C-alpha atoms as a PDB file:
ATOM      1  CA  MET A   1     130.045 137.092  35.774  1.00  0.00           C
ATOM      2  CA  GLU A   2     126.290 137.131  36.365  1.00  0.00           C
ATOM      3  CA  ASN A   3     124.346 140.273  35.476  1.00  0.00           C
ATOM      4  CA  ALA A   4     124.132 142.475  38.568  1.00  0.00           C
ATOM      5  CA  ASN A   5     120.405 143.019  38.012  1.00  0.00           C
ATOM      6  CA  THR A   6     119.656 139.294  38.078  1.00  0.00           C
ATOM      7  CA  GLN A   7     118.594 137.937  41.440  1.00  0.00           C
ATOM      8  CA  ASN A   8     118.317 134.213  42.045  1.00  0.00           C
ATOM      9  CA  ASP A   9     116.496 133.717  45.363  1.00  0.00           C
ATOM     10  CA  SER A  10     117.326 130.025  45.458  1.00  0.00           C
ATOM     11  CA  GLU A  11     121.053 130.751  45.816  1.00  0.00           C
ATOM     12  CA  GLN A  12     121.437 132.475  49.155  1.00  0.00           C
ATOM     13  CA  ILE A  13     124.550 132.078  51.232  1.00  0.00           C
ATOM     14  CA  PHE A  14     124.397 132.084  55.015  1.00  0.00           C
ATOM     15  CA  ALA A  15     127.078 131.911  57.677  1.00  0.00           C
ATOM     16  CA  THR A  16     127.460 128.788  59.759  1.00  0.00           C
ATOM     17  CA  ASN A  17     128.332 128.472  63.404  1.00  0.00           C
ATOM     18  CA  THR A  18     130.271 125.863  65.376  1.00  0.00           C
ATOM     19  CA  THR A  19     128.797 126.979  68.712  1.00  0.00           C
ATOM     20  CA  THR A  20     125.610 125.101  69.546  1.00  0.00           C
ATOM     21  CA  GLN A  21     125.200 125.677  73.281  1.00  0.00           C
ATOM     22  CA  LEU A  22     122.631 128.318  74.238  1.00  0.00           C
ATOM     23  CA  VAL A  23     124.732 130.071  76.855  1.00  0.00           C
ATOM     24  CA  CYS A  24     124.787 133.814  77.370  1.00  0.00           C
ATOM     25  CA  GLN A  25     128.182 135.107  78.490  1.00  0.00           C
ATOM     26  CA  LEU A  26     126.735 138.046  80.481  1.00  0.00           C
ATOM     27  CA  SER A  27     126.124 138.179  84.209  1.00  0.00           C
ATOM     28  CA  THR A  28     122.553 138.535  85.476  1.00  0.00           C
ATOM     29  CA  ALA A  29     123.089 142.257  86.138  1.00  0.00           C
ATOM     30  CA  GLU A  30     124.509 142.784  82.636  1.00  0.00           C
ATOM     31  CA  ILE A  31     121.563 140.927  81.079  1.00  0.00           C
ATOM     32  CA  LEU A  32     119.067 143.086  82.983  1.00  0.00           C
ATOM     33  CA  GLU A  33     120.871 146.266  81.905  1.00  0.00           C
ATOM     34  CA  ARG A  34     120.928 145.085  78.274  1.00  0.00           C
ATOM     35  CA  LYS A  35     117.177 144.372  78.375  1.00  0.00           C
ATOM     36  CA  GLU A  36     116.516 147.902  79.656  1.00  0.00           C
ATOM     37  CA  THR A  37     118.716 149.641  77.102  1.00  0.00           C
ATOM     38  CA  VAL A  38     119.673 148.021  73.803  1.00  0.00           C
ATOM     39  CA  LEU A  39     116.935 145.402  73.597  1.00  0.00           C
ATOM     40  CA  LYS A  40     114.228 147.841  74.717  1.00  0.00           C
ATOM     41  CA  SER A  41     115.296 150.298  72.021  1.00  0.00           C
ATOM     42  CA  LEU A  42     115.325 147.642  69.293  1.00  0.00           C
ATOM     43  CA  LYS A  43     111.992 146.197  70.413  1.00  0.00           C
ATOM     44  CA  SER A  44     110.348 149.630  70.099  1.00  0.00           C
ATOM     45  CA  LYS A  45     111.491 149.854  66.469  1.00  0.00           C
ATOM     46  CA  ILE A  46     110.277 146.445  65.251  1.00  0.00           C
ATOM     47  CA  LEU A  47     107.701 146.892  62.476  1.00  0.00           C
ATOM     48  CA  ASP A  48     107.050 143.203  61.790  1.00  0.00           C
ATOM     49  CA  ARG A  49     108.185 139.811  63.049  1.00  0.00           C
ATOM     50  CA  LYS A  50     108.258 136.553  61.101  1.00  0.00           C
ATOM     51  CA  GLU A  51     108.807 133.151  62.661  1.00  0.00           C
ATOM     52  CA  LEU A  52     111.485 131.046  60.988  1.00  0.00           C
ATOM     53  CA  ASN A  53     112.297 127.367  61.455  1.00  0.00           C
ATOM     54  CA  ASN A  54     115.259 128.156  63.685  1.00  0.00           C
ATOM     55  CA  GLY A  55     114.641 131.720  64.857  1.00  0.00           C
ATOM     56  CA  TYR A  56     112.940 134.962  63.861  1.00  0.00           C
ATOM     57  CA  ALA A  57     113.195 137.754  61.313  1.00  0.00           C
ATOM     58  CA  PHE A  58     112.490 141.299  62.474  1.00  0.00           C
ATOM     59  CA  LYS A  59     111.576 144.154  60.146  1.00  0.00           C
ATOM     60  CA  PHE A  60     112.800 147.684  60.834  1.00  0.00           C
ATOM     61  CA  ASP A  61     112.811 150.904  58.866  1.00  0.00           C
ATOM     62  CA  GLY A  62     115.765 151.246  56.518  1.00  0.00           C
ATOM     63  CA  SER A  63     117.196 154.536  57.764  1.00  0.00           C
ATOM     64  CA  ASP A  64     120.938 154.866  58.257  1.00  0.00           C
ATOM     65  CA  LYS A  65     120.360 155.448  61.975  1.00  0.00           C
ATOM     66  CA  THR A  66     118.460 152.177  62.347  1.00  0.00           C
ATOM     67  CA  VAL A  67     120.988 150.242  60.264  1.00  0.00           C
ATOM     68  CA  ASP A  68     123.790 151.634  62.457  1.00  0.00           C
ATOM     69  CA  GLU A  69     121.906 150.533  65.580  1.00  0.00           C
ATOM     70  CA  LEU A  70     121.352 147.048  64.148  1.00  0.00           C
ATOM     71  CA  LEU A  71     125.031 146.717  63.238  1.00  0.00           C
ATOM     72  CA  GLU A  72     126.070 147.830  66.718  1.00  0.00           C
ATOM     73  CA  PHE A  73     123.608 145.345  68.223  1.00  0.00           C
ATOM     74  CA  ILE A  74     125.103 142.512  66.149  1.00  0.00           C
ATOM     75  CA  LYS A  75     128.673 143.468  67.044  1.00  0.00           C
ATOM     76  CA  THR A  76     127.997 143.533  70.781  1.00  0.00           C
ATOM     77  CA  GLU A  77     125.590 140.596  70.835  1.00  0.00           C
ATOM     78  CA  ARG A  78     128.150 138.290  69.206  1.00  0.00           C
ATOM     79  CA  SER A  79     130.358 138.584  72.293  1.00  0.00           C
ATOM     80  CA  CYS A  80     127.629 137.416  74.665  1.00  0.00           C
ATOM     81  CA  CYS A  81     125.427 135.156  72.499  1.00  0.00           C
ATOM     82  CA  ASN A  82     127.867 133.556  70.089  1.00  0.00           C
ATOM     83  CA  PHE A  83     125.478 130.723  69.218  1.00  0.00           C
ATOM     84  CA  PHE A  84     123.321 132.961  66.985  1.00  0.00           C
ATOM     85  CA  ILE A  85     123.679 133.476  63.265  1.00  0.00           C
ATOM     86  CA  TYR A  86     122.995 137.153  62.497  1.00  0.00           C
ATOM     87  CA  SER A  87     121.741 138.074  59.034  1.00  0.00           C
ATOM     88  CA  LEU A  88     120.993 141.624  57.989  1.00  0.00           C
ATOM     89  CA  SER A  89     119.169 142.510  54.776  1.00  0.00           C
ATOM     90  CA  ILE A  90     119.004 146.199  53.906  1.00  0.00           C
ATOM     91  CA  SER A  91     117.104 147.755  51.006  1.00  0.00           C
ATOM     92  CA  GLY A  92     119.090 150.160  48.864  1.00  0.00           C
ATOM     93  CA  ASP A  93     116.263 152.696  48.813  1.00  0.00           C
ATOM     94  CA  LYS A  94     116.287 152.893  52.643  1.00  0.00           C
ATOM     95  CA  THR A  95     112.691 151.692  52.990  1.00  0.00           C
ATOM     96  CA  GLU A  96     113.337 148.661  55.173  1.00  0.00           C
ATOM     97  CA  SER A  97     115.847 146.405  56.859  1.00  0.00           C
ATOM     98  CA  TRP A  98     115.459 142.875  58.215  1.00  0.00           C
ATOM     99  CA  LEU A  99     117.452 141.307  61.022  1.00  0.00           C
ATOM    100  CA  GLN A 100     117.369 137.534  61.225  1.00  0.00           C
ATOM    101  CA  LEU A 101     118.395 135.830  64.456  1.00  0.00           C
ATOM    102  CA  THR A 102     118.752 132.093  64.002  1.00  0.00           C
ATOM    103  CA  GLY A 103     120.516 129.363  65.891  1.00  0.00           C
ATOM    104  CA  PRO A 104     120.497 125.821  67.216  1.00  0.00           C
ATOM    105  CA  GLU A 105     117.500 124.101  68.754  1.00  0.00           C
ATOM    106  CA  GLY A 106     116.082 126.286  71.507  1.00  0.00           C
ATOM    107  CA  ALA A 107     117.109 129.570  69.856  1.00  0.00           C
ATOM    108  CA  LYS A 108     113.493 130.680  69.362  1.00  0.00           C
ATOM    109  CA  ASP A 109     112.699 130.124  73.031  1.00  0.00           C
ATOM    110  CA  PHE A 110     115.843 132.053  73.974  1.00  0.00           C
ATOM    111  CA  ILE A 111     114.830 134.988  71.749  1.00  0.00           C
ATOM    112  CA  ASN A 112     111.360 135.058  73.318  1.00  0.00           C
ATOM    113  CA  GLU A 113     112.213 134.404  76.955  1.00  0.00           C
ATOM    114  CA  GLU A 114     115.687 135.799  77.495  1.00  0.00           C
ATOM    115  CA  MET A 115     115.761 138.647  74.984  1.00  0.00           C
ATOM    116  CA  GLY A 116     112.069 139.533  75.046  1.00  0.00           C
ATOM    117  CA  LEU A 117     111.918 140.044  71.285  1.00  0.00           C
END
């Protein structure tokens, strides 16, 4: 077993997804409500944003409250936008957390235009 204090950045494991169509499962009214509640709240807490090849990474504070909100966002978002891969990286000292939203071609445009993030 590898020493727990050893970190090899070249060996990261990410989930894969079989869904490649950029289709939101929500109605127009549900999308508008989501933009005014959940997405608006998350957007106000973003500290940094990094563009990735197939999506974006968003930096947040690392408080338990923020981590809980990010986990709830992921759980609910998977039911409407199942084409995303959601990755959450949380520092143990509670200083920061990063949410990565990645997906098939067009995912970045979807994040910008449909989600407003």
